Amino acid sequence: MSNVPWPDHDLATSGCTDYVVGADIGELAPGHRLVVRGVCLDGARLWLYYAWMPGLTESMGEESGVWLTVEYGADVLPEDLGCAGAYGTGGGEFSEGEIGYALPPASARRVWFDFYATTDDDHRACRLTIDLATKRVQIER
């Protein structure tokens, strides 16, 4: 396995507890698939790393219908559920993105992410669950 599961993130030097996912979640926006690279707990936040494929360009803008609709959950939730994120718009094969969430409490055993298609945000397209102790990743479609 590569020591760099997603760009600019080296497992040996990241200082994170890393959960490598590498899963194609599906076509969540017209003409664009979402790939989850991994999750990183850095002691302050939980980071979800992903990529749109093909990459997005600046000219696409919000009217393109390409945005990430994802809900974060855990068996023990943090008090603050706020998040912040960004993704690149340089075009190309991939557009890398990240979202930082409040770190789950130490007693949490599982976290999950529910992904929704931009054309149907009433029905979950996929759930990605991570067992924080075993690092087991499960995908439910």
C-alpha atoms as a PDB file:
ATOM      1  CA  MET A   1       0.000   0.000   0.000  1.00  0.00           C
ATOM      2  CA  SER A   2       1.201   3.495  -0.804  1.00  0.00           C
ATOM      3  CA  ASN A   3       2.381   5.619   2.088  1.00  0.00           C
ATOM      4  CA  VAL A   4       0.466   8.561   0.557  1.00  0.00           C
ATOM      5  CA  PRO A   5      -3.222   7.593   0.387  1.00  0.00           C
ATOM      6  CA  TRP A   6      -4.228  11.089  -0.724  1.00  0.00           C
ATOM      7  CA  PRO A   7      -2.180  14.031  -2.002  1.00  0.00           C
ATOM      8  CA  ASP A   8      -0.051  15.927   0.508  1.00  0.00           C
ATOM      9  CA  HIS A   9      -0.758  13.398   3.275  1.00  0.00           C
ATOM     10  CA  ASP A  10       1.976  11.018   4.359  1.00  0.00           C
ATOM     11  CA  LEU A  11       0.881   8.358   6.844  1.00  0.00           C
ATOM     12  CA  ALA A  12       4.334   8.254   8.419  1.00  0.00           C
ATOM     13  CA  THR A  13       4.487  11.986   9.186  1.00  0.00           C
ATOM     14  CA  SER A  14       0.870  13.184   9.347  1.00  0.00           C
ATOM     15  CA  GLY A  15       0.535  13.075  13.145  1.00  0.00           C
ATOM     16  CA  CYS A  16      -3.008  11.772  12.602  1.00  0.00           C
ATOM     17  CA  THR A  17      -4.818   8.613  13.363  1.00  0.00           C
ATOM     18  CA  ASP A  18      -5.490   7.688   9.748  1.00  0.00           C
ATOM     19  CA  TYR A  19      -8.253   5.569   8.268  1.00  0.00           C
ATOM     20  CA  VAL A  20      -7.501   4.834   4.622  1.00  0.00           C
ATOM     21  CA  VAL A  21     -10.725   4.325   2.682  1.00  0.00           C
ATOM     22  CA  GLY A  22     -10.061   4.566  -1.062  1.00  0.00           C
ATOM     23  CA  ALA A  23     -13.713   3.974  -2.031  1.00  0.00           C
ATOM     24  CA  ASP A  24     -15.672   5.100  -5.070  1.00  0.00           C
ATOM     25  CA  ILE A  25     -18.938   6.309  -3.539  1.00  0.00           C
ATOM     26  CA  GLY A  26     -20.626   6.753  -6.905  1.00  0.00           C
ATOM     27  CA  GLU A  27     -21.910   9.427  -9.260  1.00  0.00           C
ATOM     28  CA  LEU A  28     -23.307  11.904  -6.771  1.00  0.00           C
ATOM     29  CA  ALA A  29     -23.407  14.809  -9.215  1.00  0.00           C
ATOM     30  CA  PRO A  30     -24.157  14.673 -12.938  1.00  0.00           C
ATOM     31  CA  GLY A  31     -20.980  13.514 -14.688  1.00  0.00           C
ATOM     32  CA  HIS A  32     -18.895  13.442 -11.488  1.00  0.00           C
ATOM     33  CA  ARG A  33     -18.058  10.531  -9.195  1.00  0.00           C
ATOM     34  CA  LEU A  34     -17.024  10.971  -5.576  1.00  0.00           C
ATOM     35  CA  VAL A  35     -14.034   9.051  -4.229  1.00  0.00           C
ATOM     36  CA  VAL A  36     -13.412   9.051  -0.465  1.00  0.00           C
ATOM     37  CA  ARG A  37      -9.655   8.995   0.095  1.00  0.00           C
ATOM     38  CA  GLY A  38      -9.677   8.649   3.873  1.00  0.00           C
ATOM     39  CA  VAL A  39     -10.364  10.064   7.302  1.00  0.00           C
ATOM     40  CA  CYS A  40      -7.832  11.601   9.670  1.00  0.00           C
ATOM     41  CA  LEU A  41      -8.233  12.388  13.377  1.00  0.00           C
ATOM     42  CA  ASP A  42      -5.582  14.988  14.169  1.00  0.00           C
ATOM     43  CA  GLY A  43      -6.380  15.574  17.851  1.00  0.00           C
ATOM     44  CA  ALA A  44      -8.454  18.687  17.154  1.00  0.00           C
ATOM     45  CA  ARG A  45     -10.709  17.719  14.243  1.00  0.00           C
ATOM     46  CA  LEU A  46     -11.918  14.784  12.187  1.00  0.00           C
ATOM     47  CA  TRP A  47     -11.037  15.306   8.520  1.00  0.00           C
ATOM     48  CA  LEU A  48     -12.812  13.689   5.587  1.00  0.00           C
ATOM     49  CA  TYR A  49     -10.614  13.668   2.462  1.00  0.00           C
ATOM     50  CA  TYR A  50     -12.290  13.126  -0.890  1.00  0.00           C
ATOM     51  CA  ALA A  51     -11.985  13.831  -4.608  1.00  0.00           C
ATOM     52  CA  TRP A  52     -14.386  14.601  -7.425  1.00  0.00           C
ATOM     53  CA  MET A  53     -13.651  12.719 -10.615  1.00  0.00           C
ATOM     54  CA  PRO A  54     -13.267  14.221 -13.183  1.00  0.00           C
ATOM     55  CA  GLY A  55     -11.924  17.382 -11.653  1.00  0.00           C
ATOM     56  CA  LEU A  56     -13.915  20.585 -11.331  1.00  0.00           C
ATOM     57  CA  THR A  57     -13.027  23.886 -12.910  1.00  0.00           C
ATOM     58  CA  GLU A  58     -13.574  27.390 -11.563  1.00  0.00           C
ATOM     59  CA  SER A  59     -15.836  28.235 -14.498  1.00  0.00           C
ATOM     60  CA  MET A  60     -18.280  25.488 -13.496  1.00  0.00           C
ATOM     61  CA  GLY A  61     -19.353  27.463 -10.437  1.00  0.00           C
ATOM     62  CA  GLU A  62     -22.281  26.534  -8.227  1.00  0.00           C
ATOM     63  CA  GLU A  63     -24.639  26.355 -11.212  1.00  0.00           C
ATOM     64  CA  SER A  64     -22.876  23.166 -12.302  1.00  0.00           C
ATOM     65  CA  GLY A  65     -24.822  21.185  -9.697  1.00  0.00           C
ATOM     66  CA  VAL A  66     -21.601  19.737  -8.257  1.00  0.00           C
ATOM     67  CA  TRP A  67     -21.423  20.088  -4.497  1.00  0.00           C
ATOM     68  CA  LEU A  68     -20.955  17.603  -1.703  1.00  0.00           C
ATOM     69  CA  THR A  69     -23.995  16.716   0.387  1.00  0.00           C
ATOM     70  CA  VAL A  70     -22.828  14.631   3.342  1.00  0.00           C
ATOM     71  CA  GLU A  71     -23.959  14.197   6.950  1.00  0.00           C
ATOM     72  CA  TYR A  72     -21.553  13.195   9.712  1.00  0.00           C
ATOM     73  CA  GLY A  73     -22.656  11.027  12.628  1.00  0.00           C
ATOM     74  CA  ALA A  74     -21.182   8.969  15.446  1.00  0.00           C
ATOM     75  CA  ASP A  75     -22.400   6.617  18.147  1.00  0.00           C
ATOM     76  CA  VAL A  76     -21.338   9.333  20.607  1.00  0.00           C
ATOM     77  CA  LEU A  77     -21.646  12.785  19.049  1.00  0.00           C
ATOM     78  CA  PRO A  78     -19.525  15.811  19.872  1.00  0.00           C
ATOM     79  CA  GLU A  79     -21.383  18.819  21.291  1.00  0.00           C
ATOM     80  CA  ASP A  80     -20.447  20.950  18.274  1.00  0.00           C
ATOM     81  CA  LEU A  81     -21.425  19.542  14.874  1.00  0.00           C
ATOM     82  CA  GLY A  82     -20.037  22.463  12.889  1.00  0.00           C
ATOM     83  CA  CYS A  83     -17.825  21.828   9.891  1.00  0.00           C
ATOM     84  CA  ALA A  84     -15.764  23.670   7.311  1.00  0.00           C
ATOM     85  CA  GLY A  85     -14.325  22.505   4.044  1.00  0.00           C
ATOM     86  CA  ALA A  86     -13.055  23.318   0.593  1.00  0.00           C
ATOM     87  CA  TYR A  87     -12.189  21.648  -2.695  1.00  0.00           C
ATOM     88  CA  GLY A  88      -9.948  22.504  -5.609  1.00  0.00           C
ATOM     89  CA  THR A  89     -11.147  23.790  -8.969  1.00  0.00           C
ATOM     90  CA  GLY A  90      -8.050  23.311 -11.092  1.00  0.00           C
ATOM     91  CA  GLY A  91      -9.682  20.768 -13.406  1.00  0.00           C
ATOM     92  CA  GLY A  92      -7.794  17.649 -14.423  1.00  0.00           C
ATOM     93  CA  GLU A  93      -8.459  14.074 -13.437  1.00  0.00           C
ATOM     94  CA  PHE A  94      -9.399  14.842  -9.801  1.00  0.00           C
ATOM     95  CA  SER A  95     -10.428  17.801  -7.637  1.00  0.00           C
ATOM     96  CA  GLU A  96      -9.267  17.091  -4.085  1.00  0.00           C
ATOM     97  CA  GLY A  97     -11.383  18.268  -1.162  1.00  0.00           C
ATOM     98  CA  GLU A  98     -11.542  18.100   2.601  1.00  0.00           C
ATOM     99  CA  ILE A  99     -14.073  18.751   5.332  1.00  0.00           C
ATOM    100  CA  GLY A 100     -13.104  19.228   8.976  1.00  0.00           C
ATOM    101  CA  TYR A 101     -15.628  18.219  11.640  1.00  0.00           C
ATOM    102  CA  ALA A 102     -15.586  18.432  15.427  1.00  0.00           C
ATOM    103  CA  LEU A 103     -13.631  15.527  16.871  1.00  0.00           C
ATOM    104  CA  PRO A 104     -15.865  12.767  18.274  1.00  0.00           C
ATOM    105  CA  PRO A 105     -15.532  12.131  22.022  1.00  0.00           C
ATOM    106  CA  ALA A 106     -12.948   9.553  23.105  1.00  0.00           C
ATOM    107  CA  SER A 107     -15.790   7.173  24.011  1.00  0.00           C
ATOM    108  CA  ALA A 108     -17.022   7.059  20.395  1.00  0.00           C
ATOM    109  CA  ARG A 109     -16.526   3.690  18.705  1.00  0.00           C
ATOM    110  CA  ARG A 110     -17.941   4.423  15.242  1.00  0.00           C
ATOM    111  CA  VAL A 111     -18.328   7.375  12.916  1.00  0.00           C
ATOM    112  CA  TRP A 112     -20.285   7.437   9.697  1.00  0.00           C
ATOM    113  CA  PHE A 113     -20.879   9.644   6.722  1.00  0.00           C
ATOM    114  CA  ASP A 114     -24.142   9.630   4.785  1.00  0.00           C
ATOM    115  CA  PHE A 115     -23.732  10.772   1.181  1.00  0.00           C
ATOM    116  CA  TYR A 116     -26.544  12.127  -0.984  1.00  0.00           C
ATOM    117  CA  ALA A 117     -26.771  12.732  -4.724  1.00  0.00           C
ATOM    118  CA  THR A 118     -27.129  16.382  -5.676  1.00  0.00           C
ATOM    119  CA  THR A 119     -30.269  15.460  -7.621  1.00  0.00           C
ATOM    120  CA  ASP A 120     -31.952  13.685  -4.678  1.00  0.00           C
ATOM    121  CA  ASP A 121     -30.977  14.846  -1.204  1.00  0.00           C
ATOM    122  CA  ASP A 122     -33.978  13.105   0.380  1.00  0.00           C
ATOM    123  CA  HIS A 123     -32.572   9.596  -0.086  1.00  0.00           C
ATOM    124  CA  ARG A 124     -29.153   8.475   1.089  1.00  0.00           C
ATOM    125  CA  ALA A 125     -27.016   7.113  -1.753  1.00  0.00           C
ATOM    126  CA  CYS A 126     -24.350   5.584   0.462  1.00  0.00           C
ATOM    127  CA  ARG A 127     -23.226   5.270   4.090  1.00  0.00           C
ATOM    128  CA  LEU A 128     -19.557   4.943   4.953  1.00  0.00           C
ATOM    129  CA  THR A 129     -18.966   3.642   8.507  1.00  0.00           C
ATOM    130  CA  ILE A 130     -15.578   3.476  10.216  1.00  0.00           C
ATOM    131  CA  ASP A 131     -14.866   1.465  13.351  1.00  0.00           C
ATOM    132  CA  LEU A 132     -12.415   3.723  15.195  1.00  0.00           C
ATOM    133  CA  ALA A 133     -10.835   0.861  17.181  1.00  0.00           C
ATOM    134  CA  THR A 134     -10.335  -1.711  14.422  1.00  0.00           C
ATOM    135  CA  LYS A 135     -10.130   0.749  11.472  1.00  0.00           C
ATOM    136  CA  ARG A 136     -12.636  -1.441   9.630  1.00  0.00           C
ATOM    137  CA  VAL A 137     -14.427   0.424   6.848  1.00  0.00           C
ATOM    138  CA  GLN A 138     -17.926  -0.578   5.762  1.00  0.00           C
ATOM    139  CA  ILE A 139     -19.903   0.797   2.821  1.00  0.00           C
ATOM    140  CA  GLU A 140     -23.676   0.419   2.585  1.00  0.00           C
ATOM    141  CA  ARG A 141     -25.392   1.323  -0.664  1.00  0.00           C
END
